[in-house]
Protein backbone atom coordinates (compact mmCIF):
# COMPACT_ATOMS: atom_id res chain seq x y z
CA MET A 1 80.42 9.02 19.92
CA CYS A 2 79.93 5.76 21.47
CA GLN A 3 76.95 5.81 23.76
CA THR A 4 76.43 3.47 26.55
CA TYR A 5 73.37 1.37 26.93
CA SER A 6 71.95 3.65 29.64
CA GLU A 7 72.47 6.76 27.49
CA ARG A 8 70.63 5.18 24.56
CA LEU A 9 67.79 4.18 26.86
CA ILE A 10 67.50 7.72 28.20
CA ASP A 11 67.43 9.11 24.64
CA ARG A 12 64.59 6.73 23.73
CA ILE A 13 62.60 7.77 26.80
CA ILE A 14 63.04 11.45 25.94
CA ILE A 15 61.96 10.85 22.33
CA THR A 16 58.80 8.97 23.39
CA LYS A 17 57.94 11.71 25.90
CA LYS A 18 58.26 14.31 23.17
CA LYS A 19 55.90 12.30 20.94
CA ASN A 20 53.34 12.00 23.74
CA MET A 21 53.62 15.69 24.49
CA ALA A 22 52.77 16.50 20.87
CA LYS A 23 49.42 14.72 21.27
CA SER A 24 48.56 16.81 24.28
CA HIS A 25 48.63 19.91 22.10
CA GLU A 26 45.31 18.98 20.43
CA THR A 27 42.85 21.80 20.03
CA PHE A 28 39.68 21.94 22.07
CA ASN A 29 37.54 21.30 18.97
CA LYS A 30 39.47 18.15 18.05
CA LYS A 31 39.02 16.79 21.58
CA GLU A 32 35.27 17.50 21.43
CA VAL A 33 34.91 15.78 18.06
CA ARG A 34 36.81 12.74 19.37
CA LYS A 35 34.61 12.64 22.48
CA LYS A 36 31.42 12.86 20.39
CA LYS A 37 32.55 10.03 18.12
CA GLU A 38 33.43 7.88 21.13
CA LYS A 39 30.05 8.63 22.75
CA LYS A 40 28.21 7.82 19.52
CA ARG A 41 30.07 4.52 19.21
CA LYS A 42 29.22 3.59 22.80
CA ASP A 43 25.55 4.51 22.32
CA LYS A 44 25.39 2.41 19.17
CA GLU A 45 26.91 -0.56 20.99
CA LYS A 46 24.45 -0.08 23.87
CA LYS A 47 21.43 -0.03 21.48
CA LYS A 48 22.74 -3.13 19.75
CA LEU A 49 22.90 -4.99 23.06
CA GLU A 50 19.39 -3.81 23.99
CA ARG A 51 18.02 -5.10 20.68
CA LYS A 52 19.67 -8.47 21.20
CA GLU A 53 18.24 -8.73 24.71
CA GLY A 54 14.79 -7.51 23.63
CA ARG A 55 14.56 -9.99 20.77
CA ASP A 56 14.26 -12.92 23.15
CA SER A 57 11.34 -11.33 25.04
CA ASN A 58 9.13 -11.10 21.91
CA SER A 59 7.92 -14.57 21.14
CA PHE A 60 6.52 -15.65 17.80
CA ASP A 61 3.04 -16.04 19.31
CA ASP A 62 3.01 -12.35 20.30
CA MET A 63 3.59 -11.34 16.69
CA ILE A 64 0.82 -13.43 15.08
CA ALA A 65 -2.41 -11.72 14.01
CA TYR A 66 -5.63 -13.48 13.02
CA VAL A 67 -8.45 -12.45 10.70
CA ASP A 68 -12.00 -13.23 11.83
CA GLU A 69 -14.96 -14.13 9.57
CA PHE A 70 -15.82 -10.43 9.15
CA GLY A 71 -12.33 -9.47 7.96
CA ASN A 72 -11.23 -7.79 11.21
CA ILE A 73 -7.71 -8.34 12.55
CA THR A 74 -7.63 -9.83 16.07
CA SER A 75 -5.05 -11.28 18.43
CA THR A 76 -7.20 -14.27 19.42
CA PRO A 77 -7.11 -17.43 17.30
CA PRO A 78 -10.35 -18.54 15.59
CA ASP A 79 -12.69 -21.05 17.20
CA LEU A 80 -12.22 -24.26 15.21
CA SER A 81 -15.62 -25.63 16.30
CA GLN A 82 -17.33 -22.98 14.14
CA ARG A 83 -15.32 -23.91 11.06
CA LYS A 84 -17.30 -24.28 7.81
CA ALA A 85 -16.38 -26.68 5.02
CA ILE A 86 -16.00 -25.06 1.62
CA LYS A 87 -15.78 -26.96 -1.64
CA ALA A 88 -13.08 -25.89 -4.06
CA GLU A 89 -15.65 -25.90 -6.89
CA ASP A 90 -17.67 -23.18 -5.10
CA ILE A 91 -14.80 -20.68 -5.14
CA GLU A 92 -14.93 -18.30 -8.10
CA ILE A 93 -11.88 -16.31 -9.00
CA ALA A 94 -13.23 -14.01 -11.69
CA ILE A 95 -15.33 -10.96 -12.29
CA PRO A 96 -18.97 -11.93 -11.81
CA LYS A 97 -20.90 -11.96 -15.05
CA SER A 98 -23.53 -9.26 -15.23
CA ILE A 99 -27.20 -10.09 -15.40
CA ALA A 100 -27.34 -8.60 -18.90
CA SER A 101 -25.09 -11.31 -20.28
CA ASP A 102 -27.03 -14.04 -18.42
CA THR A 103 -30.31 -13.16 -20.11
CA ASN A 104 -30.78 -12.78 -23.82
CA GLU A 105 -32.97 -9.74 -23.26
CA THR A 106 -30.93 -6.71 -24.29
CA ILE A 107 -33.75 -4.14 -24.30
CA ARG A 108 -33.74 -2.35 -20.94
CA LYS A 109 -35.31 0.55 -19.12
CA GLY A 110 -33.44 3.07 -17.01
CA ILE A 111 -32.96 6.67 -15.94
CA VAL A 112 -30.36 9.07 -17.35
CA SER A 113 -28.09 9.77 -14.37
CA PHE A 114 -25.68 12.07 -16.24
CA PHE A 115 -25.53 13.52 -19.74
CA ASN A 116 -23.22 16.21 -21.13
CA ASP A 117 -24.59 17.72 -24.36
CA SER A 118 -21.38 19.57 -25.23
CA LYS A 119 -19.20 16.46 -24.98
CA GLY A 120 -21.85 14.07 -26.31
CA PHE A 121 -21.81 11.31 -23.70
CA GLY A 122 -23.45 10.29 -20.45
CA PHE A 123 -24.58 7.42 -18.26
CA ILE A 124 -27.88 5.61 -17.81
CA LYS A 125 -28.66 3.76 -14.56
CA ASP A 126 -30.18 0.43 -15.54
CA ALA A 127 -33.46 -0.18 -13.66
CA LEU A 128 -32.88 -3.94 -13.50
CA THR A 129 -29.23 -4.17 -12.40
CA GLN A 130 -28.68 -0.64 -11.01
CA GLU A 131 -25.44 -0.48 -13.02
CA ASP A 132 -24.33 2.60 -14.93
CA VAL A 133 -24.26 2.04 -18.70
CA PHE A 134 -22.28 4.36 -20.97
CA VAL A 135 -24.20 6.18 -23.71
CA HIS A 136 -22.76 8.18 -26.60
CA VAL A 137 -24.63 10.71 -28.72
CA SER A 138 -24.20 8.41 -31.73
CA GLY A 139 -26.39 5.80 -29.97
CA LEU A 140 -29.34 8.19 -29.41
CA LEU A 141 -32.58 8.05 -31.39
CA GLU A 142 -33.98 11.10 -29.55
CA ALA A 143 -32.44 13.95 -27.57
CA ILE A 144 -32.23 13.12 -23.85
CA LYS A 145 -31.62 15.06 -20.62
CA GLU A 146 -30.73 14.06 -17.07
CA ASN A 147 -33.48 12.24 -15.10
CA ASN A 148 -35.30 11.17 -18.28
CA LYS A 149 -36.76 7.65 -18.26
CA VAL A 150 -35.42 5.87 -21.31
CA ILE A 151 -35.58 2.58 -23.19
CA PHE A 152 -32.30 1.30 -24.63
CA GLU A 153 -30.45 -1.75 -25.86
CA ILE A 154 -27.16 -2.97 -24.41
CA VAL A 155 -24.23 -3.91 -26.62
CA LYS A 156 -20.78 -4.92 -25.51
CA GLY A 157 -18.26 -2.13 -26.08
CA THR A 158 -14.48 -2.10 -25.78
CA LYS A 159 -14.58 -0.81 -22.19
CA GLY A 160 -17.84 -2.36 -21.04
CA PRO A 161 -21.56 -2.21 -21.82
CA ASN A 162 -22.82 0.59 -24.06
CA ALA A 163 -26.37 1.82 -24.54
CA VAL A 164 -27.60 2.13 -28.13
CA ASN A 165 -30.97 2.89 -29.74
CA VAL A 166 -31.79 5.12 -26.77
CA LYS A 167 -35.22 6.76 -26.78
CA ILE A 168 -37.43 8.36 -24.15
CA ASP A 169 -39.90 5.99 -22.40
CA ARG A 170 -43.34 7.57 -22.93
CA GLU A 171 -45.29 5.14 -20.69
């Protein structure tokens, strides 16, 4: 059973041909799946190259946006000749204090903008500041309805100003 070199070489060639022939017996579906995967991979590579090439065309200046003095977003830079100097002391970072706390006068006049009898609360629009002030039935001296002109005192509540000692303005 001694084979010559040429016989062994022929056997190897036959074996490799048989292996290659086995691959050719793939089903149609397997070939289609392989083709789709290959196409997807090529498309992904193509998009990646396009992104790399496109990145150089967008400069940093094209991406900058500016805000003008009215708060609108523009693509043009501001005119530095119209620049105004602002002192750091003039900038307030807080909720502005209401006029009621600035003055010691707590007796106010206003109009009942909303009042719910069944729930026992409502709001009075202050004539001086035009702010809505919460009123509860426990703070009433007289029964009130919507659109009544009233006189009331303001006290600081847990969630903001509250109207107490509310009575109808008879003037």
